[in-house]
Amino acid sequence: MNSLTHHCDPPVSKISRCYKGTKRNPKNGYCENVFIKLCNAYIMDPKLDRMLQTTWLTHQDCNIFTIGERHGVHTQCTAMLAMFKQMISMNNSLSKPVRFDILIEFTQEAAHKFKAYQDVDIPDVLTFTQMNRVRHYFNGCLQKRNCPVRVHWVDPTLTAQRLPNWLDELSHIDWGSGGLTKWTMIPAIREQIESESDVLKLLTENVIVMKEIEKASKVNPKFNLEFCKDLFMKKFTREVESSGVYWFYSVHIQLRYVMDFYAVARIIKLKMKEVVFYAGNLHVVNIIDILNALNFKMVRTINGECIQN
């Protein structure tokens, strides 16, 4: 069983003073509060099943811990759901539980569907993936807002009633079995994305994301539309160059990256200070890139030791 002092690293140099509300842990050299201790004990664990990396990023008094996994079922080491349950149980046992935020790779549409399954045994209604088990476990917190932690869905892609028809249709394409170019054969979509520069519309015509970016920019002026557009297209260019295939094969990946700008916008808009972000590792890498561009610094990163193909 983990404790709040488990998985401490060797002492590190004292680079700066600890900010208000934290104090330096003499065993590992980090500036910590209760939330950081919880995350260092449970999240920064190389034995999390299918975890590729966990990372701790900080900027001023904001601390974000990311968990990047390779999606699949639990077969070895510590299950993600077991880790979250232990972490929440430890938090609840404290005299003053921490009210932190958990962001999960989860669509609003899926969250409403999960609501109907809230009191049903998970093996009977859901796939056995680790992500779905965690979603099921936290969905009551998401729906009722009555838990010691705040839980958020962070994927706006499938909210069809508010998206342009072509973007909604694009988001529902099955990308497997040769579907990477299927969108090019749908006139309504191809009329919108005729060249590489049009890929930016995946971001700018998603009205839900645009609204969140606008609100977030009022809190942090650096995170504005031009900042997001620039990073978004740089990411697309790197993806095309690294894949070595025609640009239209990468549209499906870029569509998924819209979620990450939305997630960061939510963190900024709601002024979250203590955050756990759990998603597929490609999303986590993108989140880290965005946060780095916003002057977040990486404090620790742990590579997983329980990764399967």
C-alpha atoms as a PDB file:
ATOM      1  CA  MET A   1       0.000   0.000   0.000  1.00  0.00           C
ATOM      2  CA  ASN A   2       1.334   3.445  -0.910  1.00  0.00           C
ATOM      3  CA  SER A   3       1.826   6.110   1.699  1.00  0.00           C
ATOM      4  CA  LEU A   4       2.285   9.829   1.358  1.00  0.00           C
ATOM      5  CA  THR A   5       6.057   9.429   1.473  1.00  0.00           C
ATOM      6  CA  HIS A   6       6.402   6.591  -1.051  1.00  0.00           C
ATOM      7  CA  HIS A   7       8.444   6.934  -4.269  1.00  0.00           C
ATOM      8  CA  CYS A   8      10.653   9.791  -3.096  1.00  0.00           C
ATOM      9  CA  ASP A   9      13.541  10.741  -5.368  1.00  0.00           C
ATOM     10  CA  PRO A  10      17.063  11.565  -4.156  1.00  0.00           C
ATOM     11  CA  PRO A  11      17.440  15.102  -2.795  1.00  0.00           C
ATOM     12  CA  VAL A  12      17.476  17.850  -5.406  1.00  0.00           C
ATOM     13  CA  SER A  13      19.126  21.250  -5.332  1.00  0.00           C
ATOM     14  CA  LYS A  14      17.219  24.121  -3.798  1.00  0.00           C
ATOM     15  CA  ILE A  15      16.618  26.268  -6.856  1.00  0.00           C
ATOM     16  CA  SER A  16      14.095  28.674  -5.400  1.00  0.00           C
ATOM     17  CA  ARG A  17      11.989  29.376  -2.373  1.00  0.00           C
ATOM     18  CA  CYS A  18       8.811  27.398  -1.874  1.00  0.00           C
ATOM     19  CA  TYR A  19       5.672  29.321  -2.691  1.00  0.00           C
ATOM     20  CA  LYS A  20       3.029  30.047  -0.065  1.00  0.00           C
ATOM     21  CA  GLY A  21       1.178  26.953   1.128  1.00  0.00           C
ATOM     22  CA  THR A  22       4.070  24.548   0.482  1.00  0.00           C
ATOM     23  CA  LYS A  23       7.212  23.606   2.315  1.00  0.00           C
ATOM     24  CA  ARG A  24      10.341  21.776   1.280  1.00  0.00           C
ATOM     25  CA  ASN A  25      10.405  18.059   1.942  1.00  0.00           C
ATOM     26  CA  PRO A  26      13.843  17.342   3.476  1.00  0.00           C
ATOM     27  CA  LYS A  27      13.797  13.782   2.084  1.00  0.00           C
ATOM     28  CA  ASN A  28      13.427  14.676  -1.595  1.00  0.00           C
ATOM     29  CA  GLY A  29      14.021  18.438  -1.819  1.00  0.00           C
ATOM     30  CA  TYR A  30      10.653  19.229  -3.420  1.00  0.00           C
ATOM     31  CA  CYS A  31       8.304  21.996  -2.353  1.00  0.00           C
ATOM     32  CA  GLU A  32       5.163  20.098  -1.368  1.00  0.00           C
ATOM     33  CA  ASN A  33       1.655  20.510  -0.071  1.00  0.00           C
ATOM     34  CA  VAL A  34      -0.867  17.747   0.636  1.00  0.00           C
ATOM     35  CA  PHE A  35      -1.944  17.495  -3.011  1.00  0.00           C
ATOM     36  CA  ILE A  36       1.622  17.175  -4.271  1.00  0.00           C
ATOM     37  CA  LYS A  37       2.348  14.520  -1.641  1.00  0.00           C
ATOM     38  CA  LEU A  38      -0.707  12.558  -2.765  1.00  0.00           C
ATOM     39  CA  CYS A  39       0.340  12.705  -6.399  1.00  0.00           C
ATOM     40  CA  ASN A  40       3.969  11.826  -5.688  1.00  0.00           C
ATOM     41  CA  ALA A  41       2.784   8.839  -3.667  1.00  0.00           C
ATOM     42  CA  TYR A  42       0.228   7.440  -6.089  1.00  0.00           C
ATOM     43  CA  ILE A  43       0.592   8.928  -9.573  1.00  0.00           C
ATOM     44  CA  MET A  44       4.373   9.126  -9.876  1.00  0.00           C
ATOM     45  CA  ASP A  45       4.605   5.351  -9.769  1.00  0.00           C
ATOM     46  CA  PRO A  46       6.401   3.379 -12.528  1.00  0.00           C
ATOM     47  CA  LYS A  47       4.265   0.324 -11.710  1.00  0.00           C
ATOM     48  CA  LEU A  48       0.986   1.729 -13.041  1.00  0.00           C
ATOM     49  CA  ASP A  49      -0.315  -0.674 -15.660  1.00  0.00           C
ATOM     50  CA  ARG A  50       0.016   0.464 -19.301  1.00  0.00           C
ATOM     51  CA  MET A  51       1.352   3.843 -18.169  1.00  0.00           C
ATOM     52  CA  LEU A  52       3.884   5.303 -20.596  1.00  0.00           C
ATOM     53  CA  GLN A  53       4.696   8.372 -18.544  1.00  0.00           C
ATOM     54  CA  THR A  54       3.532  10.459 -15.622  1.00  0.00           C
ATOM     55  CA  THR A  55       4.723  14.040 -15.339  1.00  0.00           C
ATOM     56  CA  TRP A  56       4.592  16.816 -12.764  1.00  0.00           C
ATOM     57  CA  LEU A  57       4.508  20.357 -14.166  1.00  0.00           C
ATOM     58  CA  THR A  58       4.349  23.552 -12.192  1.00  0.00           C
ATOM     59  CA  HIS A  59       3.974  27.290 -12.738  1.00  0.00           C
ATOM     60  CA  GLN A  60       3.747  29.661  -9.792  1.00  0.00           C
ATOM     61  CA  ASP A  61       1.125  28.056  -7.503  1.00  0.00           C
ATOM     62  CA  CYS A  62      -0.390  25.737 -10.127  1.00  0.00           C
ATOM     63  CA  ASN A  63       0.620  22.061 -10.162  1.00  0.00           C
ATOM     64  CA  ILE A  64      -0.503  19.651 -12.877  1.00  0.00           C
ATOM     65  CA  PHE A  65       0.150  15.910 -12.845  1.00  0.00           C
ATOM     66  CA  THR A  66      -0.393  14.100 -16.145  1.00  0.00           C
ATOM     67  CA  ILE A  67      -0.906  10.369 -16.695  1.00  0.00           C
ATOM     68  CA  GLY A  68      -0.322   9.132 -20.232  1.00  0.00           C
ATOM     69  CA  GLU A  69      -1.369   5.565 -20.932  1.00  0.00           C
ATOM     70  CA  ARG A  70      -1.571   3.113 -23.794  1.00  0.00           C
ATOM     71  CA  HIS A  71      -5.275   2.297 -23.827  1.00  0.00           C
ATOM     72  CA  GLY A  72      -6.221  -1.278 -23.023  1.00  0.00           C
ATOM     73  CA  VAL A  73      -7.304  -3.683 -20.312  1.00  0.00           C
ATOM     74  CA  HIS A  74      -5.562  -4.187 -16.984  1.00  0.00           C
ATOM     75  CA  THR A  75      -3.454  -7.337 -16.823  1.00  0.00           C
ATOM     76  CA  GLN A  76      -0.473  -6.619 -14.570  1.00  0.00           C
ATOM     77  CA  CYS A  77       1.042  -4.286 -11.981  1.00  0.00           C
ATOM     78  CA  THR A  78      -1.229  -1.617 -10.438  1.00  0.00           C
ATOM     79  CA  ALA A  79      -4.489  -0.899 -12.249  1.00  0.00           C
ATOM     80  CA  MET A  80      -5.320   2.756 -12.897  1.00  0.00           C
ATOM     81  CA  LEU A  81      -8.663   2.341 -11.147  1.00  0.00           C
ATOM     82  CA  ALA A  82      -7.026   0.786  -8.084  1.00  0.00           C
ATOM     83  CA  MET A  83      -4.556   3.669  -7.940  1.00  0.00           C
ATOM     84  CA  PHE A  84      -7.315   6.281  -8.113  1.00  0.00           C
ATOM     85  CA  LYS A  85      -9.371   4.477  -5.469  1.00  0.00           C
ATOM     86  CA  GLN A  86      -6.397   4.329  -3.100  1.00  0.00           C
ATOM     87  CA  MET A  87      -5.555   7.967  -3.738  1.00  0.00           C
ATOM     88  CA  ILE A  88      -9.138   9.102  -3.116  1.00  0.00           C
ATOM     89  CA  SER A  89      -9.398   6.913  -0.016  1.00  0.00           C
ATOM     90  CA  MET A  90      -6.204   8.405   1.401  1.00  0.00           C
ATOM     91  CA  ASN A  91      -7.446  11.912   0.611  1.00  0.00           C
ATOM     92  CA  ASN A  92     -10.803  11.235   2.286  1.00  0.00           C
ATOM     93  CA  SER A  93      -9.035   9.974   5.423  1.00  0.00           C
ATOM     94  CA  LEU A  94      -7.279  13.307   5.918  1.00  0.00           C
ATOM     95  CA  SER A  95      -8.610  15.791   8.451  1.00  0.00           C
ATOM     96  CA  LYS A  96      -8.880  18.321   5.591  1.00  0.00           C
ATOM     97  CA  PRO A  97      -9.307  16.479   2.265  1.00  0.00           C
ATOM     98  CA  VAL A  98      -7.912  18.269  -0.777  1.00  0.00           C
ATOM     99  CA  ARG A  99     -10.488  19.490  -3.295  1.00  0.00           C
ATOM    100  CA  PHE A 100      -8.466  19.018  -6.467  1.00  0.00           C
ATOM    101  CA  ASP A 101      -9.532  18.635 -10.106  1.00  0.00           C
ATOM    102  CA  ILE A 102      -9.379  15.457 -12.203  1.00  0.00           C
ATOM    103  CA  LEU A 103      -9.638  15.807 -15.987  1.00  0.00           C
ATOM    104  CA  ILE A 104     -10.351  12.587 -17.898  1.00  0.00           C
ATOM    105  CA  GLU A 105     -10.290  11.921 -21.639  1.00  0.00           C
ATOM    106  CA  PHE A 106     -14.064  11.808 -21.834  1.00  0.00           C
ATOM    107  CA  THR A 107     -16.686  13.371 -24.106  1.00  0.00           C
ATOM    108  CA  GLN A 108     -19.772  15.158 -22.841  1.00  0.00           C
ATOM    109  CA  GLU A 109     -21.882  12.800 -24.933  1.00  0.00           C
ATOM    110  CA  ALA A 110     -20.282   9.732 -23.359  1.00  0.00           C
ATOM    111  CA  ALA A 111     -20.671  11.207 -19.873  1.00  0.00           C
ATOM    112  CA  HIS A 112     -24.441  11.367 -20.325  1.00  0.00           C
ATOM    113  CA  LYS A 113     -24.497   7.758 -21.545  1.00  0.00           C
ATOM    114  CA  PHE A 114     -22.486   6.610 -18.534  1.00  0.00           C
ATOM    115  CA  LYS A 115     -25.024   8.237 -16.233  1.00  0.00           C
ATOM    116  CA  ALA A 116     -27.511   5.469 -17.022  1.00  0.00           C
ATOM    117  CA  TYR A 117     -24.937   2.858 -15.970  1.00  0.00           C
ATOM    118  CA  GLN A 118     -23.940   4.464 -12.707  1.00  0.00           C
ATOM    119  CA  ASP A 119     -25.448   1.798 -10.450  1.00  0.00           C
ATOM    120  CA  VAL A 120     -24.811  -1.164 -12.757  1.00  0.00           C
ATOM    121  CA  ASP A 121     -21.953  -3.633 -12.385  1.00  0.00           C
ATOM    122  CA  ILE A 122     -19.307  -2.465 -14.834  1.00  0.00           C
ATOM    123  CA  PRO A 123     -18.498  -5.850 -16.466  1.00  0.00           C
ATOM    124  CA  ASP A 124     -22.109  -6.142 -17.617  1.00  0.00           C
ATOM    125  CA  VAL A 125     -22.315  -2.850 -19.492  1.00  0.00           C
ATOM    126  CA  LEU A 126     -18.859  -1.541 -20.406  1.00  0.00           C
ATOM    127  CA  THR A 127     -15.681  -2.723 -22.012  1.00  0.00           C
ATOM    128  CA  PHE A 128     -12.930  -3.687 -19.636  1.00  0.00           C
ATOM    129  CA  THR A 129     -10.453  -0.977 -20.608  1.00  0.00           C
ATOM    130  CA  GLN A 130      -8.771   0.822 -17.755  1.00  0.00           C
ATOM    131  CA  MET A 131      -9.988   4.177 -19.057  1.00  0.00           C
ATOM    132  CA  ASN A 132     -13.630   3.072 -19.070  1.00  0.00           C
ATOM    133  CA  ARG A 133     -13.347   1.669 -15.565  1.00  0.00           C
ATOM    134  CA  VAL A 134     -12.015   4.997 -14.304  1.00  0.00           C
ATOM    135  CA  ARG A 135     -14.715   6.869 -16.222  1.00  0.00           C
ATOM    136  CA  HIS A 136     -17.407   4.690 -14.675  1.00  0.00           C
ATOM    137  CA  TYR A 137     -15.976   5.128 -11.186  1.00  0.00           C
ATOM    138  CA  PHE A 138     -15.875   8.927 -11.390  1.00  0.00           C
ATOM    139  CA  ASN A 139     -19.005   9.535 -13.444  1.00  0.00           C
ATOM    140  CA  GLY A 140     -21.157   9.997 -10.353  1.00  0.00           C
ATOM    141  CA  CYS A 141     -18.820  12.787  -9.228  1.00  0.00           C
ATOM    142  CA  LEU A 142     -19.043  14.349 -12.680  1.00  0.00           C
ATOM    143  CA  GLN A 143     -22.833  14.220 -12.764  1.00  0.00           C
ATOM    144  CA  LYS A 144     -23.707  15.131  -9.172  1.00  0.00           C
ATOM    145  CA  ARG A 145     -20.758  17.366  -8.239  1.00  0.00           C
ATOM    146  CA  ASN A 146     -20.892  16.028  -4.682  1.00  0.00           C
ATOM    147  CA  CYS A 147     -17.441  14.436  -4.287  1.00  0.00           C
ATOM    148  CA  PRO A 148     -14.362  15.715  -2.429  1.00  0.00           C
ATOM    149  CA  VAL A 149     -12.709  16.013  -5.859  1.00  0.00           C
ATOM    150  CA  ARG A 150     -14.015  17.792  -8.955  1.00  0.00           C
ATOM    151  CA  VAL A 151     -14.176  15.680 -12.126  1.00  0.00           C
ATOM    152  CA  HIS A 152     -14.353  17.096 -15.658  1.00  0.00           C
ATOM    153  CA  TRP A 153     -14.887  15.693 -19.151  1.00  0.00           C
ATOM    154  CA  VAL A 154     -12.383  17.320 -21.496  1.00  0.00           C
ATOM    155  CA  ASP A 155     -13.340  16.267 -25.031  1.00  0.00           C
ATOM    156  CA  PRO A 156     -15.776  18.585 -26.866  1.00  0.00           C
ATOM    157  CA  THR A 157     -15.647  16.748 -30.204  1.00  0.00           C
ATOM    158  CA  LEU A 158     -18.958  14.902 -30.092  1.00  0.00           C
ATOM    159  CA  THR A 159     -21.365  17.608 -28.957  1.00  0.00           C
ATOM    160  CA  ALA A 160     -23.142  17.462 -32.293  1.00  0.00           C
ATOM    161  CA  GLN A 161     -25.897  19.977 -31.678  1.00  0.00           C
ATOM    162  CA  ARG A 162     -23.390  22.829 -31.436  1.00  0.00           C
ATOM    163  CA  LEU A 163     -20.908  21.926 -34.174  1.00  0.00           C
ATOM    164  CA  PRO A 164     -21.060  22.712 -37.897  1.00  0.00           C
ATOM    165  CA  ASN A 165     -22.531  19.746 -39.774  1.00  0.00           C
ATOM    166  CA  TRP A 166     -19.296  18.936 -41.609  1.00  0.00           C
ATOM    167  CA  LEU A 167     -17.271  18.935 -38.397  1.00  0.00           C
ATOM    168  CA  ASP A 168     -19.843  16.781 -36.654  1.00  0.00           C
ATOM    169  CA  GLU A 169     -19.762  14.313 -39.548  1.00  0.00           C
ATOM    170  CA  LEU A 170     -15.971  14.247 -39.491  1.00  0.00           C
ATOM    171  CA  SER A 171     -15.909  13.486 -35.764  1.00  0.00           C
ATOM    172  CA  HIS A 172     -18.091  10.395 -36.249  1.00  0.00           C
ATOM    173  CA  ILE A 173     -15.967   8.742 -38.932  1.00  0.00           C
ATOM    174  CA  ASP A 174     -14.583   5.315 -38.083  1.00  0.00           C
ATOM    175  CA  TRP A 175     -10.858   5.844 -38.595  1.00  0.00           C
ATOM    176  CA  GLY A 176      -9.997   2.150 -38.494  1.00  0.00           C
ATOM    177  CA  SER A 177      -9.833  -0.284 -41.413  1.00  0.00           C
ATOM    178  CA  GLY A 178      -8.633   2.164 -44.032  1.00  0.00           C
ATOM    179  CA  GLY A 179     -10.753   5.026 -42.768  1.00  0.00           C
ATOM    180  CA  LEU A 180      -7.935   7.583 -42.616  1.00  0.00           C
ATOM    181  CA  THR A 181      -8.869   8.966 -46.033  1.00  0.00           C
ATOM    182  CA  LYS A 182     -12.610   8.294 -45.871  1.00  0.00           C
ATOM    183  CA  TRP A 183     -13.281  11.945 -45.115  1.00  0.00           C
ATOM    184  CA  THR A 184     -11.851  12.972 -48.503  1.00  0.00           C
ATOM    185  CA  MET A 185     -14.755  11.182 -50.178  1.00  0.00           C
ATOM    186  CA  ILE A 186     -17.434  13.131 -48.283  1.00  0.00           C
ATOM    187  CA  PRO A 187     -18.188  16.307 -50.298  1.00  0.00           C
ATOM    188  CA  ALA A 188     -19.405  18.376 -47.330  1.00  0.00           C
ATOM    189  CA  ILE A 189     -16.108  17.806 -45.519  1.00  0.00           C
ATOM    190  CA  ARG A 190     -13.833  18.060 -48.532  1.00  0.00           C
ATOM    191  CA  GLU A 191     -15.365  21.429 -49.416  1.00  0.00           C
ATOM    192  CA  GLN A 192     -14.129  22.704 -46.060  1.00  0.00           C
ATOM    193  CA  ILE A 193     -10.681  21.052 -45.990  1.00  0.00           C
ATOM    194  CA  GLU A 194      -9.199  21.499 -49.443  1.00  0.00           C
ATOM    195  CA  SER A 195      -5.585  22.118 -48.432  1.00  0.00           C
ATOM    196  CA  GLU A 196      -3.241  21.822 -45.462  1.00  0.00           C
ATOM    197  CA  SER A 197      -4.013  25.350 -44.275  1.00  0.00           C
ATOM    198  CA  ASP A 198      -7.703  24.443 -43.979  1.00  0.00           C
ATOM    199  CA  VAL A 199      -6.871  21.965 -41.218  1.00  0.00           C
ATOM    200  CA  LEU A 200      -6.900  24.962 -38.880  1.00  0.00           C
ATOM    201  CA  LYS A 201     -10.712  24.927 -39.222  1.00  0.00           C
ATOM    202  CA  LEU A 202     -10.789  21.825 -37.014  1.00  0.00           C
ATOM    203  CA  LEU A 203      -9.916  24.207 -34.195  1.00  0.00           C
ATOM    204  CA  THR A 204     -11.367  27.555 -35.242  1.00  0.00           C
ATOM    205  CA  GLU A 205     -14.796  26.262 -36.309  1.00  0.00           C
ATOM    206  CA  ASN A 206     -15.314  24.249 -33.157  1.00  0.00           C
ATOM    207  CA  VAL A 207     -17.463  26.856 -31.434  1.00  0.00           C
ATOM    208  CA  ILE A 208     -17.236  25.111 -28.079  1.00  0.00           C
ATOM    209  CA  VAL A 209     -13.450  25.271 -28.028  1.00  0.00           C
ATOM    210  CA  MET A 210     -13.380  28.838 -29.331  1.00  0.00           C
ATOM    211  CA  LYS A 211     -15.656  29.946 -26.527  1.00  0.00           C
ATOM    212  CA  GLU A 212     -13.411  28.353 -23.904  1.00  0.00           C
ATOM    213  CA  ILE A 213     -10.252  29.850 -25.417  1.00  0.00           C
ATOM    214  CA  GLU A 214     -11.846  33.301 -25.374  1.00  0.00           C
ATOM    215  CA  LYS A 215     -12.786  32.946 -21.701  1.00  0.00           C
ATOM    216  CA  ALA A 216      -9.365  31.553 -20.807  1.00  0.00           C
ATOM    217  CA  SER A 217      -7.589  34.450 -22.546  1.00  0.00           C
ATOM    218  CA  LYS A 218      -9.242  36.854 -20.122  1.00  0.00           C
ATOM    219  CA  VAL A 219      -7.538  35.007 -17.264  1.00  0.00           C
ATOM    220  CA  ASN A 220      -4.207  34.425 -19.027  1.00  0.00           C
ATOM    221  CA  PRO A 221      -3.767  36.798 -21.996  1.00  0.00           C
ATOM    222  CA  LYS A 222      -0.920  34.672 -23.365  1.00  0.00           C
ATOM    223  CA  PHE A 223      -3.316  31.801 -23.999  1.00  0.00           C
ATOM    224  CA  ASN A 224      -5.218  33.536 -26.781  1.00  0.00           C
ATOM    225  CA  LEU A 225      -6.506  32.488 -30.192  1.00  0.00           C
ATOM    226  CA  GLU A 226      -3.306  33.363 -32.062  1.00  0.00           C
ATOM    227  CA  PHE A 227      -1.248  31.376 -29.555  1.00  0.00           C
ATOM    228  CA  CYS A 228      -3.490  28.334 -30.009  1.00  0.00           C
ATOM    229  CA  LYS A 229      -3.609  28.600 -33.806  1.00  0.00           C
ATOM    230  CA  ASP A 230       0.164  28.831 -34.031  1.00  0.00           C
ATOM    231  CA  LEU A 231       0.778  25.795 -31.803  1.00  0.00           C
ATOM    232  CA  PHE A 232      -1.983  23.829 -33.488  1.00  0.00           C
ATOM    233  CA  MET A 233      -0.534  24.222 -36.976  1.00  0.00           C
ATOM    234  CA  LYS A 234       3.055  23.659 -35.818  1.00  0.00           C
ATOM    235  CA  LYS A 235       1.879  20.386 -34.328  1.00  0.00           C
ATOM    236  CA  PHE A 236       0.229  19.440 -37.610  1.00  0.00           C
ATOM    237  CA  THR A 237       3.346  20.269 -39.616  1.00  0.00           C
ATOM    238  CA  ARG A 238       5.513  18.139 -37.335  1.00  0.00           C
ATOM    239  CA  GLU A 239       3.031  15.279 -37.558  1.00  0.00           C
ATOM    240  CA  VAL A 240       3.006  15.340 -41.362  1.00  0.00           C
ATOM    241  CA  GLU A 241       6.791  15.557 -41.590  1.00  0.00           C
ATOM    242  CA  SER A 242       7.348  12.725 -39.104  1.00  0.00           C
ATOM    243  CA  SER A 243       4.751  10.411 -40.662  1.00  0.00           C
ATOM    244  CA  GLY A 244       6.170  10.744 -44.163  1.00  0.00           C
ATOM    245  CA  VAL A 245       2.735  10.440 -45.815  1.00  0.00           C
ATOM    246  CA  TYR A 246       0.409  12.899 -47.528  1.00  0.00           C
ATOM    247  CA  TRP A 247      -1.045  15.531 -45.207  1.00  0.00           C
ATOM    248  CA  PHE A 248      -4.636  14.297 -45.412  1.00  0.00           C
ATOM    249  CA  TYR A 249      -3.673  11.067 -43.620  1.00  0.00           C
ATOM    250  CA  SER A 250      -2.962  13.122 -40.487  1.00  0.00           C
ATOM    251  CA  VAL A 251      -6.304  14.950 -40.271  1.00  0.00           C
ATOM    252  CA  HIS A 252      -7.768  12.386 -37.858  1.00  0.00           C
ATOM    253  CA  ILE A 253      -4.873  12.892 -35.415  1.00  0.00           C
ATOM    254  CA  GLN A 254      -5.183  16.657 -35.586  1.00  0.00           C
ATOM    255  CA  LEU A 255      -8.912  16.395 -34.914  1.00  0.00           C
ATOM    256  CA  ARG A 256      -8.137  14.603 -31.649  1.00  0.00           C
ATOM    257  CA  TYR A 257      -5.635  17.290 -30.648  1.00  0.00           C
ATOM    258  CA  VAL A 258      -8.447  19.852 -30.499  1.00  0.00           C
ATOM    259  CA  MET A 259      -9.376  18.265 -27.195  1.00  0.00           C
ATOM    260  CA  ASP A 260      -6.050  19.253 -25.643  1.00  0.00           C
ATOM    261  CA  PHE A 261      -6.480  22.968 -26.316  1.00  0.00           C
ATOM    262  CA  TYR A 262      -9.962  22.716 -24.849  1.00  0.00           C
ATOM    263  CA  ALA A 263      -8.598  20.981 -21.739  1.00  0.00           C
ATOM    264  CA  VAL A 264      -5.944  23.634 -21.133  1.00  0.00           C
ATOM    265  CA  ALA A 265      -8.521  26.369 -21.732  1.00  0.00           C
ATOM    266  CA  ARG A 266     -10.723  24.817 -19.037  1.00  0.00           C
ATOM    267  CA  ILE A 267      -7.831  24.651 -16.578  1.00  0.00           C
ATOM    268  CA  ILE A 268      -7.047  28.319 -17.151  1.00  0.00           C
ATOM    269  CA  LYS A 269     -10.636  29.579 -17.253  1.00  0.00           C
ATOM    270  CA  LEU A 270     -11.577  27.843 -14.007  1.00  0.00           C
ATOM    271  CA  LYS A 271      -8.275  28.890 -12.381  1.00  0.00           C
ATOM    272  CA  MET A 272      -7.466  25.318 -11.368  1.00  0.00           C
ATOM    273  CA  LYS A 273      -4.426  25.072  -9.134  1.00  0.00           C
ATOM    274  CA  GLU A 274      -4.213  21.353  -8.344  1.00  0.00           C
ATOM    275  CA  VAL A 275      -4.910  19.165 -11.354  1.00  0.00           C
ATOM    276  CA  VAL A 276      -4.673  15.534 -12.459  1.00  0.00           C
ATOM    277  CA  PHE A 277      -4.986  14.934 -16.216  1.00  0.00           C
ATOM    278  CA  TYR A 278      -5.547  11.317 -17.325  1.00  0.00           C
ATOM    279  CA  ALA A 279      -5.585  10.450 -21.035  1.00  0.00           C
ATOM    280  CA  GLY A 280      -3.894   8.561 -23.828  1.00  0.00           C
ATOM    281  CA  ASN A 281      -0.216   9.382 -24.033  1.00  0.00           C
ATOM    282  CA  LEU A 282      -0.440  11.331 -27.315  1.00  0.00           C
ATOM    283  CA  HIS A 283      -2.836  13.734 -25.616  1.00  0.00           C
ATOM    284  CA  VAL A 284      -0.510  14.039 -22.638  1.00  0.00           C
ATOM    285  CA  VAL A 285       2.476  14.860 -24.869  1.00  0.00           C
ATOM    286  CA  ASN A 286       0.418  17.586 -26.525  1.00  0.00           C
ATOM    287  CA  ILE A 287      -0.763  18.962 -23.171  1.00  0.00           C
ATOM    288  CA  ILE A 288       2.838  19.143 -21.976  1.00  0.00           C
ATOM    289  CA  ASP A 289       3.848  21.029 -25.150  1.00  0.00           C
ATOM    290  CA  ILE A 290       1.067  23.576 -24.584  1.00  0.00           C
ATOM    291  CA  LEU A 291       1.922  24.011 -20.903  1.00  0.00           C
ATOM    292  CA  ASN A 292       5.626  24.400 -21.671  1.00  0.00           C
ATOM    293  CA  ALA A 293       4.737  27.208 -24.084  1.00  0.00           C
ATOM    294  CA  LEU A 294       2.849  28.811 -21.167  1.00  0.00           C
ATOM    295  CA  ASN A 295       6.013  28.768 -19.018  1.00  0.00           C
ATOM    296  CA  PHE A 296       5.204  25.647 -17.023  1.00  0.00           C
ATOM    297  CA  LYS A 297       8.301  23.784 -15.884  1.00  0.00           C
ATOM    298  CA  MET A 298       8.676  20.022 -15.679  1.00  0.00           C
ATOM    299  CA  VAL A 299       9.595  18.992 -12.138  1.00  0.00           C
ATOM    300  CA  ARG A 300       9.543  15.210 -12.492  1.00  0.00           C
ATOM    301  CA  THR A 301       8.709  12.601 -15.084  1.00  0.00           C
ATOM    302  CA  ILE A 302       8.403   8.850 -14.552  1.00  0.00           C
ATOM    303  CA  ASN A 303       8.536   6.267 -17.338  1.00  0.00           C
ATOM    304  CA  GLY A 304       6.251   3.281 -16.968  1.00  0.00           C
ATOM    305  CA  GLU A 305       7.630  -0.201 -16.397  1.00  0.00           C
ATOM    306  CA  CYS A 306       4.410  -2.099 -17.132  1.00  0.00           C
ATOM    307  CA  ILE A 307       3.802  -1.361 -20.813  1.00  0.00           C
ATOM    308  CA  GLN A 308       2.283  -3.867 -23.222  1.00  0.00           C
ATOM    309  CA  ASN A 309       1.818  -3.853 -26.981  1.00  0.00           C
END
